[in-house]
C-alpha atoms as a PDB file:
ATOM      1  CA  MET A   1      -0.390   0.195  -0.064  1.00  0.00           C
ATOM      2  CA  ASP A   2       1.452   3.654  -1.093  1.00  0.00           C
ATOM      3  CA  LYS A   3       2.987   5.422   2.166  1.00  0.00           C
ATOM      4  CA  ARG A   4       3.158   8.355   0.529  1.00  0.00           C
ATOM      5  CA  PRO A   5       1.446  11.734   1.206  1.00  0.00           C
ATOM      6  CA  PRO A   6      -1.189  12.636  -1.064  1.00  0.00           C
ATOM      7  CA  ALA A   7       0.087  14.977  -3.400  1.00  0.00           C
ATOM      8  CA  SER A   8      -2.321  17.602  -2.961  1.00  0.00           C
ATOM      9  CA  ALA A   9      -1.792  17.472   1.263  1.00  0.00           C
ATOM     10  CA  SER A  10      -1.417  21.301   0.907  1.00  0.00           C
ATOM     11  CA  GLY A  11      -3.118  22.339  -2.331  1.00  0.00           C
ATOM     12  CA  THR A  12      -6.758  22.513  -1.376  1.00  0.00           C
ATOM     13  CA  ASP A  13      -9.364  24.174   1.067  1.00  0.00           C
ATOM     14  CA  ARG A  14     -11.775  21.331   0.380  1.00  0.00           C
ATOM     15  CA  GLN A  15     -12.431  19.243   3.854  1.00  0.00           C
ATOM     16  CA  LEU A  16     -13.347  15.910   5.249  1.00  0.00           C
ATOM     17  CA  VAL A  17     -15.567  16.350   8.218  1.00  0.00           C
ATOM     18  CA  LEU A  18     -16.032  13.626  10.686  1.00  0.00           C
ATOM     19  CA  ALA A  19     -18.616  12.805  13.052  1.00  0.00           C
ATOM     20  CA  VAL A  20     -17.465  11.503  16.900  1.00  0.00           C
ATOM     21  CA  PRO A  21     -20.175  10.240  18.768  1.00  0.00           C
ATOM     22  CA  VAL A  22     -18.828   9.468  22.323  1.00  0.00           C
ATOM     23  CA  PHE A  23     -20.165   8.837  25.901  1.00  0.00           C
ATOM     24  CA  GLN A  24     -17.438   7.762  28.832  1.00  0.00           C
ATOM     25  CA  ALA A  25     -14.714   8.056  26.245  1.00  0.00           C
ATOM     26  CA  GLU A  26     -11.801   9.874  28.549  1.00  0.00           C
ATOM     27  CA  ARG A  27      -9.395   7.139  28.298  1.00  0.00           C
ATOM     28  CA  PHE A  28      -8.626   7.108  24.575  1.00  0.00           C
ATOM     29  CA  LEU A  29     -10.540   9.811  23.162  1.00  0.00           C
ATOM     30  CA  PRO A  30      -7.175  12.147  23.645  1.00  0.00           C
ATOM     31  CA  ALA A  31      -5.383   9.441  20.981  1.00  0.00           C
ATOM     32  CA  THR A  32      -8.170   9.831  18.586  1.00  0.00           C
ATOM     33  CA  LEU A  33      -8.692  13.524  18.250  1.00  0.00           C
ATOM     34  CA  ALA A  34      -5.259  13.735  17.928  1.00  0.00           C
ATOM     35  CA  SER A  35      -5.301  11.608  15.251  1.00  0.00           C
ATOM     36  CA  LEU A  36      -7.724  13.705  13.722  1.00  0.00           C
ATOM     37  CA  ASN A  37      -5.821  17.145  14.603  1.00  0.00           C
ATOM     38  CA  ALA A  38      -2.780  15.317  12.917  1.00  0.00           C
ATOM     39  CA  GLN A  39      -4.877  15.583   9.527  1.00  0.00           C
ATOM     40  CA  GLY A  40      -4.138  19.665   9.303  1.00  0.00           C
ATOM     41  CA  ASP A  41      -6.473  21.615   7.959  1.00  0.00           C
ATOM     42  CA  ARG A  42      -7.709  18.930   5.269  1.00  0.00           C
ATOM     43  CA  LEU A  43     -10.272  17.450   8.068  1.00  0.00           C
ATOM     44  CA  ARG A  44     -12.811  19.169  10.919  1.00  0.00           C
ATOM     45  CA  TRP A  45     -14.248  17.041  13.083  1.00  0.00           C
ATOM     46  CA  TYR A  46     -17.698  17.826  15.189  1.00  0.00           C
ATOM     47  CA  LEU A  47     -17.747  15.992  18.336  1.00  0.00           C
ATOM     48  CA  GLN A  48     -21.405  14.533  19.774  1.00  0.00           C
ATOM     49  CA  ASP A  49     -21.197  13.670  23.154  1.00  0.00           C
ATOM     50  CA  GLY A  50     -24.017  11.759  25.420  1.00  0.00           C
ATOM     51  CA  ALA A  51     -23.815  14.331  28.284  1.00  0.00           C
ATOM     52  CA  SER A  52     -20.664  11.647  29.868  1.00  0.00           C
ATOM     53  CA  PRO A  53     -20.549  11.952  33.639  1.00  0.00           C
ATOM     54  CA  ASP A  54     -16.330  12.030  33.378  1.00  0.00           C
ATOM     55  CA  ARG A  55     -14.120  14.049  31.315  1.00  0.00           C
ATOM     56  CA  THR A  56     -14.837  13.352  27.507  1.00  0.00           C
ATOM     57  CA  ALA A  57     -16.125  16.714  26.677  1.00  0.00           C
ATOM     58  CA  ALA A  58     -13.055  18.828  28.788  1.00  0.00           C
ATOM     59  CA  ILE A  59     -11.137  16.825  26.670  1.00  0.00           C
ATOM     60  CA  ALA A  60     -12.346  17.419  23.716  1.00  0.00           C
ATOM     61  CA  ARG A  61     -12.945  21.201  24.540  1.00  0.00           C
ATOM     62  CA  GLU A  62      -9.472  21.164  25.155  1.00  0.00           C
ATOM     63  CA  MET A  63      -8.380  19.665  21.845  1.00  0.00           C
ATOM     64  CA  ALA A  64     -10.875  21.438  18.970  1.00  0.00           C
ATOM     65  CA  ARG A  65      -9.342  23.592  16.933  1.00  0.00           C
ATOM     66  CA  PRO A  66     -11.262  26.462  15.551  1.00  0.00           C
ATOM     67  CA  GLY A  67     -13.522  25.026  12.867  1.00  0.00           C
ATOM     68  CA  ASP A  68     -13.902  21.963  15.478  1.00  0.00           C
ATOM     69  CA  THR A  69     -17.409  21.468  17.483  1.00  0.00           C
ATOM     70  CA  VAL A  70     -18.092  19.809  20.811  1.00  0.00           C
ATOM     71  CA  VAL A  71     -22.090  19.169  21.704  1.00  0.00           C
ATOM     72  CA  SER A  72     -22.430  17.566  25.433  1.00  0.00           C
ATOM     73  CA  ALA A  73     -25.947  16.853  25.632  1.00  0.00           C
ATOM     74  CA  PRO A  74     -28.095  13.756  26.831  1.00  0.00           C
ATOM     75  CA  ASP A  75     -29.060  11.656  23.440  1.00  0.00           C
ATOM     76  CA  ARG A  76     -30.506   7.821  22.657  1.00  0.00           C
ATOM     77  CA  GLY A  77     -27.352   6.090  21.910  1.00  0.00           C
ATOM     78  CA  GLN A  78     -25.112   6.672  19.424  1.00  0.00           C
ATOM     79  CA  THR A  79     -26.955   6.165  16.231  1.00  0.00           C
ATOM     80  CA  ASP A  80     -28.961   8.926  17.548  1.00  0.00           C
ATOM     81  CA  ALA A  81     -25.807  11.261  18.504  1.00  0.00           C
ATOM     82  CA  LEU A  82     -24.685  10.011  14.398  1.00  0.00           C
ATOM     83  CA  ASN A  83     -27.788  11.341  13.116  1.00  0.00           C
ATOM     84  CA  ARG A  84     -27.440  14.434  14.856  1.00  0.00           C
ATOM     85  CA  ALA A  85     -23.696  15.134  14.079  1.00  0.00           C
ATOM     86  CA  ILE A  86     -24.280  14.499  10.691  1.00  0.00           C
ATOM     87  CA  ALA A  87     -27.094  16.759  10.243  1.00  0.00           C
ATOM     88  CA  ARG A  88     -25.660  19.722  11.663  1.00  0.00           C
ATOM     89  CA  MET A  89     -21.931  19.647  10.708  1.00  0.00           C
ATOM     90  CA  GLY A  90     -21.629  20.153   7.276  1.00  0.00           C
ATOM     91  CA  GLY A  91     -19.345  19.117   4.994  1.00  0.00           C
ATOM     92  CA  ASP A  92     -19.550  17.731   1.195  1.00  0.00           C
ATOM     93  CA  ILE A  93     -17.357  14.141   2.374  1.00  0.00           C
ATOM     94  CA  ILE A  94     -18.542  13.040   5.221  1.00  0.00           C
ATOM     95  CA  GLY A  95     -17.318  10.126   7.581  1.00  0.00           C
ATOM     96  CA  PHE A  96     -17.427   9.324  11.120  1.00  0.00           C
ATOM     97  CA  ILE A  97     -15.706   7.045  13.911  1.00  0.00           C
ATOM     98  CA  ASN A  98     -15.374   6.236  17.238  1.00  0.00           C
ATOM     99  CA  GLY A  99     -13.992   7.490  20.418  1.00  0.00           C
ATOM    100  CA  ASP A 100     -11.200   5.214  20.695  1.00  0.00           C
ATOM    101  CA  ASP A 101     -10.459   4.486  17.170  1.00  0.00           C
ATOM    102  CA  LEU A 102      -7.601   6.698  15.182  1.00  0.00           C
ATOM    103  CA  LEU A 103      -7.734   8.068  11.816  1.00  0.00           C
ATOM    104  CA  ALA A 104      -4.140   6.792   9.687  1.00  0.00           C
ATOM    105  CA  GLU A 105      -1.765   9.584   8.838  1.00  0.00           C
ATOM    106  CA  HIS A 106      -2.592  11.217   5.482  1.00  0.00           C
ATOM    107  CA  ALA A 107      -5.809   9.452   5.659  1.00  0.00           C
ATOM    108  CA  ALA A 108      -8.188  12.970   5.015  1.00  0.00           C
ATOM    109  CA  GLY A 109      -5.829  13.919   2.189  1.00  0.00           C
ATOM    110  CA  ARG A 110      -5.859  10.795   0.821  1.00  0.00           C
ATOM    111  CA  VAL A 111      -9.697  10.591   1.061  1.00  0.00           C
ATOM    112  CA  LEU A 112     -10.290  13.679  -0.381  1.00  0.00           C
ATOM    113  CA  ASP A 113      -8.213  13.266  -3.032  1.00  0.00           C
ATOM    114  CA  PHE A 114      -9.527   9.895  -4.184  1.00  0.00           C
ATOM    115  CA  PHE A 115     -13.289  11.827  -4.406  1.00  0.00           C
ATOM    116  CA  ASP A 116     -11.758  14.753  -6.282  1.00  0.00           C
ATOM    117  CA  ALA A 117     -10.115  12.458  -8.958  1.00  0.00           C
ATOM    118  CA  HIS A 118     -13.586  10.335  -9.070  1.00  0.00           C
ATOM    119  CA  PRO A 119     -16.594  12.507  -8.980  1.00  0.00           C
ATOM    120  CA  GLU A 120     -18.957   9.497 -10.350  1.00  0.00           C
ATOM    121  CA  ILE A 121     -17.682   8.039  -6.803  1.00  0.00           C
ATOM    122  CA  ASP A 122     -20.605   8.173  -3.761  1.00  0.00           C
ATOM    123  CA  LEU A 123     -18.673   6.242  -1.144  1.00  0.00           C
ATOM    124  CA  ILE A 124     -15.361   4.420  -0.542  1.00  0.00           C
ATOM    125  CA  TYR A 125     -13.592   2.230   1.606  1.00  0.00           C
ATOM    126  CA  GLY A 126     -10.070   1.484   2.381  1.00  0.00           C
ATOM    127  CA  SER A 127      -8.183  -0.741   4.983  1.00  0.00           C
ATOM    128  CA  VAL A 128      -7.813  -0.992   8.671  1.00  0.00           C
ATOM    129  CA  ASP A 129      -5.042  -2.027  11.456  1.00  0.00           C
ATOM    130  CA  TRP A 130      -6.348  -3.541  14.245  1.00  0.00           C
ATOM    131  CA  ILE A 131      -4.861  -2.246  17.264  1.00  0.00           C
ATOM    132  CA  ASP A 132      -5.141  -3.134  20.880  1.00  0.00           C
ATOM    133  CA  GLU A 133      -5.734  -1.077  24.012  1.00  0.00           C
ATOM    134  CA  HIS A 134      -2.072   0.132  24.232  1.00  0.00           C
ATOM    135  CA  GLY A 135      -2.244   0.719  20.371  1.00  0.00           C
ATOM    136  CA  ALA A 136       0.057  -2.169  19.634  1.00  0.00           C
ATOM    137  CA  LEU A 137      -0.903  -3.187  16.258  1.00  0.00           C
ATOM    138  CA  THR A 138      -2.302  -6.840  15.963  1.00  0.00           C
ATOM    139  CA  GLY A 139      -3.618  -7.462  12.391  1.00  0.00           C
ATOM    140  CA  THR A 140      -4.936  -5.751   9.534  1.00  0.00           C
ATOM    141  CA  HIS A 141      -7.976  -6.088   7.548  1.00  0.00           C
ATOM    142  CA  THR A 142      -9.378  -5.691   3.623  1.00  0.00           C
ATOM    143  CA  GLY A 143     -12.645  -5.827   3.128  1.00  0.00           C
ATOM    144  CA  ARG A 144     -14.214  -6.421  -0.284  1.00  0.00           C
ATOM    145  CA  ILE A 145     -17.767  -5.087  -1.085  1.00  0.00           C
ATOM    146  CA  GLU A 146     -18.827  -3.958  -4.138  1.00  0.00           C
ATOM    147  CA  SER A 147     -22.184  -5.094  -4.949  1.00  0.00           C
ATOM    148  CA  LEU A 148     -25.859  -5.431  -2.955  1.00  0.00           C
ATOM    149  CA  ALA A 149     -25.590  -9.013  -3.590  1.00  0.00           C
ATOM    150  CA  GLU A 150     -22.465  -9.103  -1.761  1.00  0.00           C
ATOM    151  CA  VAL A 151     -23.443  -6.884   1.226  1.00  0.00           C
ATOM    152  CA  LEU A 152     -26.396  -8.864   1.664  1.00  0.00           C
ATOM    153  CA  ASP A 153     -25.165 -12.296   1.215  1.00  0.00           C
ATOM    154  CA  ILE A 154     -24.262 -12.192   5.092  1.00  0.00           C
ATOM    155  CA  TYR A 155     -22.828 -15.844   4.892  1.00  0.00           C
ATOM    156  CA  GLY A 156     -20.753 -16.116   1.770  1.00  0.00           C
ATOM    157  CA  VAL A 157     -19.130 -12.851   2.421  1.00  0.00           C
ATOM    158  CA  TRP A 158     -19.754 -10.419   4.745  1.00  0.00           C
ATOM    159  CA  TRP A 159     -18.993 -13.195   7.555  1.00  0.00           C
ATOM    160  CA  ARG A 160     -16.048 -14.660   5.430  1.00  0.00           C
ATOM    161  CA  GLY A 161     -13.881 -11.607   6.207  1.00  0.00           C
ATOM    162  CA  ARG A 162     -14.881  -9.514   3.144  1.00  0.00           C
ATOM    163  CA  GLN A 163     -16.988  -7.411   5.027  1.00  0.00           C
ATOM    164  CA  TRP A 164     -16.528  -3.225   6.098  1.00  0.00           C
ATOM    165  CA  VAL A 165     -15.153  -2.037   9.461  1.00  0.00           C
ATOM    166  CA  GLN A 166     -16.733   1.206   9.733  1.00  0.00           C
ATOM    167  CA  PRO A 167     -14.371   3.662  10.571  1.00  0.00           C
ATOM    168  CA  GLU A 168     -12.831   3.124   6.811  1.00  0.00           C
ATOM    169  CA  VAL A 169     -15.648   4.008   5.164  1.00  0.00           C
ATOM    170  CA  PHE A 170     -16.451   7.626   3.492  1.00  0.00           C
ATOM    171  CA  PHE A 171     -19.057   9.064   1.208  1.00  0.00           C
ATOM    172  CA  ARG A 172     -20.934  12.385  -0.108  1.00  0.00           C
ATOM    173  CA  ARG A 173     -23.317  14.323   2.226  1.00  0.00           C
ATOM    174  CA  SER A 174     -25.396  13.798  -0.873  1.00  0.00           C
ATOM    175  CA  LEU A 175     -25.829   9.588  -0.616  1.00  0.00           C
ATOM    176  CA  TRP A 176     -26.811  10.404   2.926  1.00  0.00           C
ATOM    177  CA  GLU A 177     -29.445  12.942   2.153  1.00  0.00           C
ATOM    178  CA  LYS A 178     -30.640   9.918  -0.803  1.00  0.00           C
ATOM    179  CA  VAL A 179     -30.372   6.882   1.637  1.00  0.00           C
ATOM    180  CA  GLY A 180     -31.585   9.108   4.874  1.00  0.00           C
ATOM    181  CA  PRO A 181     -29.993   8.611   8.458  1.00  0.00           C
ATOM    182  CA  PHE A 182     -29.116   5.854  10.506  1.00  0.00           C
ATOM    183  CA  ASN A 183     -32.037   3.723  11.745  1.00  0.00           C
ATOM    184  CA  THR A 184     -32.049   4.283  15.670  1.00  0.00           C
ATOM    185  CA  ALA A 185     -34.087   1.134  16.065  1.00  0.00           C
ATOM    186  CA  TYR A 186     -30.032  -0.588  15.724  1.00  0.00           C
ATOM    187  CA  HIS A 187     -28.132  -0.088  18.003  1.00  0.00           C
ATOM    188  CA  LEU A 188     -24.905  -2.428  16.935  1.00  0.00           C
ATOM    189  CA  ALA A 189     -25.105  -2.745  13.353  1.00  0.00           C
ATOM    190  CA  PHE A 190     -27.029   0.585  12.212  1.00  0.00           C
ATOM    191  CA  ASP A 191     -23.826   1.174   9.992  1.00  0.00           C
ATOM    192  CA  TYR A 192     -24.611  -2.327   7.961  1.00  0.00           C
ATOM    193  CA  ASP A 193     -28.376  -1.625   7.453  1.00  0.00           C
ATOM    194  CA  PHE A 194     -26.930   2.113   5.844  1.00  0.00           C
ATOM    195  CA  TRP A 195     -24.526   0.329   3.620  1.00  0.00           C
ATOM    196  CA  VAL A 196     -27.306  -2.059   2.542  1.00  0.00           C
ATOM    197  CA  ARG A 197     -29.877   0.938   2.379  1.00  0.00           C
ATOM    198  CA  CYS A 198     -27.184   3.211   0.127  1.00  0.00           C
ATOM    199  CA  PHE A 199     -26.472   0.132  -2.550  1.00  0.00           C
ATOM    200  CA  ARG A 200     -30.319  -0.805  -2.805  1.00  0.00           C
ATOM    201  CA  ALA A 201     -30.096   3.729  -3.516  1.00  0.00           C
ATOM    202  CA  GLY A 202     -27.836   2.462  -6.221  1.00  0.00           C
ATOM    203  CA  ALA A 203     -24.741   4.272  -4.509  1.00  0.00           C
ATOM    204  CA  ARG A 204     -21.368   3.693  -6.686  1.00  0.00           C
ATOM    205  CA  VAL A 205     -18.613   2.641  -4.746  1.00  0.00           C
ATOM    206  CA  ALA A 206     -14.793   2.244  -4.885  1.00  0.00           C
ATOM    207  CA  HIS A 207     -11.317   1.031  -2.840  1.00  0.00           C
ATOM    208  CA  LEU A 208      -8.864   3.114  -1.761  1.00  0.00           C
ATOM    209  CA  PRO A 209      -5.809   1.097  -1.640  1.00  0.00           C
ATOM    210  CA  ALA A 210      -4.440   2.128   1.593  1.00  0.00           C
ATOM    211  CA  THR A 211      -4.841   2.238   5.064  1.00  0.00           C
ATOM    212  CA  LEU A 212      -7.382   4.377   6.526  1.00  0.00           C
ATOM    213  CA  THR A 213      -8.424   3.885  10.209  1.00  0.00           C
ATOM    214  CA  ARG A 214      -6.721   1.933  13.395  1.00  0.00           C
ATOM    215  CA  PHE A 215      -9.693  -0.009  14.631  1.00  0.00           C
ATOM    216  CA  ARG A 216      -8.710  -0.316  18.579  1.00  0.00           C
ATOM    217  CA  LEU A 217     -10.009  -4.142  19.982  1.00  0.00           C
ATOM    218  CA  HIS A 218     -10.632  -3.938  23.875  1.00  0.00           C
ATOM    219  CA  ALA A 219     -13.043  -5.574  26.650  1.00  0.00           C
ATOM    220  CA  GLY A 220     -15.236  -2.127  26.936  1.00  0.00           C
ATOM    221  CA  GLN A 221     -16.258  -1.444  23.428  1.00  0.00           C
ATOM    222  CA  LYS A 222     -19.620  -1.793  21.590  1.00  0.00           C
ATOM    223  CA  SER A 223     -18.894  -4.160  19.338  1.00  0.00           C
ATOM    224  CA  ALA A 224     -17.516  -6.526  21.168  1.00  0.00           C
ATOM    225  CA  ALA A 225     -20.995  -7.547  21.824  1.00  0.00           C
ATOM    226  CA  ALA A 226     -20.696 -10.052  18.653  1.00  0.00           C
ATOM    227  CA  GLU A 227     -23.432 -12.080  18.421  1.00  0.00           C
ATOM    228  CA  ARG A 228     -25.668  -9.677  19.807  1.00  0.00           C
ATOM    229  CA  ALA A 229     -24.290  -7.607  16.765  1.00  0.00           C
ATOM    230  CA  ALA A 230     -25.321 -10.329  14.718  1.00  0.00           C
ATOM    231  CA  ASP A 231     -28.541 -10.935  15.508  1.00  0.00           C
ATOM    232  CA  GLU A 232     -29.214  -7.487  14.390  1.00  0.00           C
ATOM    233  CA  ILE A 233     -27.807  -8.168  10.965  1.00  0.00           C
ATOM    234  CA  ARG A 234     -29.918 -11.055  10.495  1.00  0.00           C
ATOM    235  CA  THR A 235     -33.161  -9.066  11.350  1.00  0.00           C
ATOM    236  CA  ILE A 236     -31.896  -6.266   9.183  1.00  0.00           C
ATOM    237  CA  LEU A 237     -31.117  -8.680   6.077  1.00  0.00           C
ATOM    238  CA  HIS A 238     -34.306 -10.599   7.349  1.00  0.00           C
ATOM    239  CA  LYS A 239     -36.398  -7.652   6.620  1.00  0.00           C
ATOM    240  CA  HIS A 240     -34.543  -6.379   3.458  1.00  0.00           C
ATOM    241  CA  LEU A 241     -35.038  -9.643   1.878  1.00  0.00           C
ATOM    242  CA  ALA A 242     -39.004  -9.205   2.692  1.00  0.00           C
ATOM    243  CA  GLU A 243     -38.650  -5.931   0.434  1.00  0.00           C
ATOM    244  CA  HIS A 244     -37.793  -8.111  -2.235  1.00  0.00           C
ATOM    245  CA  PRO A 245     -34.345  -6.217  -3.615  1.00  0.00           C
ATOM    246  CA  PRO A 246     -32.996  -7.167  -7.292  1.00  0.00           C
ATOM    247  CA  LEU A 247     -31.202 -10.465  -6.321  1.00  0.00           C
ATOM    248  CA  ASN A 248     -30.127 -12.979  -8.618  1.00  0.00           C
ATOM    249  CA  PRO A 249     -33.127 -15.610  -7.853  1.00  0.00           C
ATOM    250  CA  LEU A 250     -30.714 -18.589  -6.813  1.00  0.00           C
ATOM    251  CA  ARG A 251     -28.065 -16.325  -4.810  1.00  0.00           C
ATOM    252  CA  ARG A 252     -31.612 -15.026  -3.038  1.00  0.00           C
ATOM    253  CA  TRP A 253     -32.744 -18.612  -2.629  1.00  0.00           C
ATOM    254  CA  LYS A 254     -29.507 -20.003  -0.668  1.00  0.00           C
ATOM    255  CA  ILE A 255     -29.229 -16.360   1.899  1.00  0.00           C
ATOM    256  CA  GLN A 256     -32.931 -17.069   3.025  1.00  0.00           C
ATOM    257  CA  ALA A 257     -32.735 -20.594   3.088  1.00  0.00           C
ATOM    258  CA  GLN A 258     -29.390 -20.203   5.887  1.00  0.00           C
ATOM    259  CA  LEU A 259     -31.202 -17.112   7.329  1.00  0.00           C
ATOM    260  CA  ASP A 260     -34.568 -18.898   7.928  1.00  0.00           C
ATOM    261  CA  TYR A 261     -32.249 -22.023   9.478  1.00  0.00           C
ATOM    262  CA  ASP A 262     -30.713 -18.938  11.942  1.00  0.00           C
ATOM    263  CA  LEU A 263     -33.584 -17.975  12.976  1.00  0.00           C
ATOM    264  CA  TYR A 264     -35.048 -21.241  13.705  1.00  0.00           C
ATOM    265  CA  GLN A 265     -32.233 -21.765  15.896  1.00  0.00           C
ATOM    266  CA  SER A 266     -32.441 -19.028  17.548  1.00  0.00           C
ATOM    267  CA  GLY A 267     -35.665 -19.585  18.349  1.00  0.00           C
ATOM    268  CA  ARG A 268     -37.175 -16.301  16.527  1.00  0.00           C
ATOM    269  CA  SER A 269     -38.838 -18.420  13.383  1.00  0.00           C
ATOM    270  CA  GLY A 270     -42.013 -18.605  14.856  1.00  0.00           C
ATOM    271  CA  ARG A 271     -42.081 -22.177  13.922  1.00  0.00           C
ATOM    272  CA  SER A 272     -43.161 -24.917  16.276  1.00  0.00           C
ATOM    273  CA  GLY A 273     -41.846 -28.343  16.012  1.00  0.00           C
ATOM    274  CA  GLY A 274     -38.390 -30.643  16.144  1.00  0.00           C
ATOM    275  CA  PHE A 275     -35.619 -30.254  13.583  1.00  0.00           C
ATOM    276  CA  PHE A 276     -36.535 -32.928  11.184  1.00  0.00           C
ATOM    277  CA  ALA A 277     -40.151 -32.151  11.366  1.00  0.00           C
ATOM    278  CA  ASN A 278     -39.261 -28.994  10.327  1.00  0.00           C
ATOM    279  CA  LEU A 279     -36.739 -30.099   8.010  1.00  0.00           C
ATOM    280  CA  LEU A 280     -39.162 -31.645   5.689  1.00  0.00           C
ATOM    281  CA  ARG A 281     -41.141 -28.576   5.598  1.00  0.00           C
ATOM    282  CA  HIS A 282     -38.132 -26.417   4.427  1.00  0.00           C
ATOM    283  CA  PRO A 283     -35.828 -28.896   2.690  1.00  0.00           C
ATOM    284  CA  GLN A 284     -33.861 -25.928   1.332  1.00  0.00           C
ATOM    285  CA  TRP A 285     -32.261 -25.480   4.853  1.00  0.00           C
ATOM    286  CA  LEU A 286     -29.536 -27.624   3.742  1.00  0.00           C
ATOM    287  CA  LEU A 287     -28.046 -25.129   1.673  1.00  0.00           C
ATOM    288  CA  SER A 288     -27.260 -23.875   5.131  1.00  0.00           C
ATOM    289  CA  PRO A 289     -23.807 -25.963   6.699  1.00  0.00           C
ATOM    290  CA  HIS A 290     -24.690 -25.793  10.252  1.00  0.00           C
ATOM    291  CA  ALA A 291     -28.158 -27.720   9.255  1.00  0.00           C
ATOM    292  CA  TRP A 292     -26.123 -29.770   6.979  1.00  0.00           C
ATOM    293  CA  ARG A 293     -23.759 -30.670   9.917  1.00  0.00           C
ATOM    294  CA  ARG A 294     -26.626 -31.432  12.070  1.00  0.00           C
ATOM    295  CA  THR A 295     -28.299 -33.408   9.531  1.00  0.00           C
ATOM    296  CA  GLN A 296     -25.219 -35.597   9.330  1.00  0.00           C
ATOM    297  CA  ALA A 297     -24.597 -36.269  13.101  1.00  0.00           C
ATOM    298  CA  ALA A 298     -27.865 -37.231  13.868  1.00  0.00           C
ATOM    299  CA  CYS A 299     -28.105 -39.971  10.987  1.00  0.00           C
ATOM    300  CA  THR A 300     -24.852 -40.696  12.154  1.00  0.00           C
ATOM    301  CA  ARG A 301     -26.225 -41.570  15.671  1.00  0.00           C
ATOM    302  CA  ARG A 302     -29.250 -43.333  14.582  1.00  0.00           C
ATOM    303  CA  PHE A 303     -27.090 -45.352  12.107  1.00  0.00           C
ATOM    304  CA  LEU A 304     -24.579 -46.498  15.213  1.00  0.00           C
ATOM    305  CA  SER A 305     -27.891 -46.624  17.940  1.00  0.00           C
ATOM    306  CA  GLY A 306     -29.404 -49.095  15.387  1.00  0.00           C
ATOM    307  CA  ARG A 307     -26.399 -51.360  14.989  1.00  0.00           C
END
């Protein structure tokens, strides 16, 4: 990946504007804001704090530069805070970053230069470094989502390591205005729902081959609630499939089959009866690797017990 600073880093007054939704973020917030301030005049930020009882707002005010904004007021959670910030912060090229993550060196310039060079593109994504609570590098990730079919295929694409990691994605305000705000019904996977809606709205997407963010993995972060986030993603997928988006029929059938089995396994399908009774009514479940392995194991047990 290109490690050089963007050629036009000091040649334009255009700015990337980032929303920073936070609550009780005093531990990591100084490093986050320092990484934003290091971008120079190519970036400004709008911090929306949910009336934290700690020093979060005080730290933000101490580190704010002319043009940066700090708002501290009660909200209904991260999704609501993001909607408030994006609606008020302005900017043609926008994104958001959590109060424990970092923006990579020269990232703002690279993002702006890419959008300037590709006026037809609505949304870009880059690569992300994983870091631990001390800031040490633990790994890297590059997503690869290019179409509505791919973002909806959570089994063959999203959960196979091709997902976007939220801070590495940036988009035009015109796309946000077209798609609408984040859905406050979702608390962990609201960004996934937004990406799906972007593709459904015809967003033109491109990959910028550079590390743009550093995503911090630590015990206190919200996204560590992996199973609850996965449940939200299934709920979002179920909703969008029910609205009949344009998908290849075979791919849709496979995704729906795996989703139906997942919902049955979680007890959220509303179906009664045992596994085999439901399998006879829904043989497409065998497209799910989990259902297939369960069927094989059950058949093996029956065969062995009959010997």
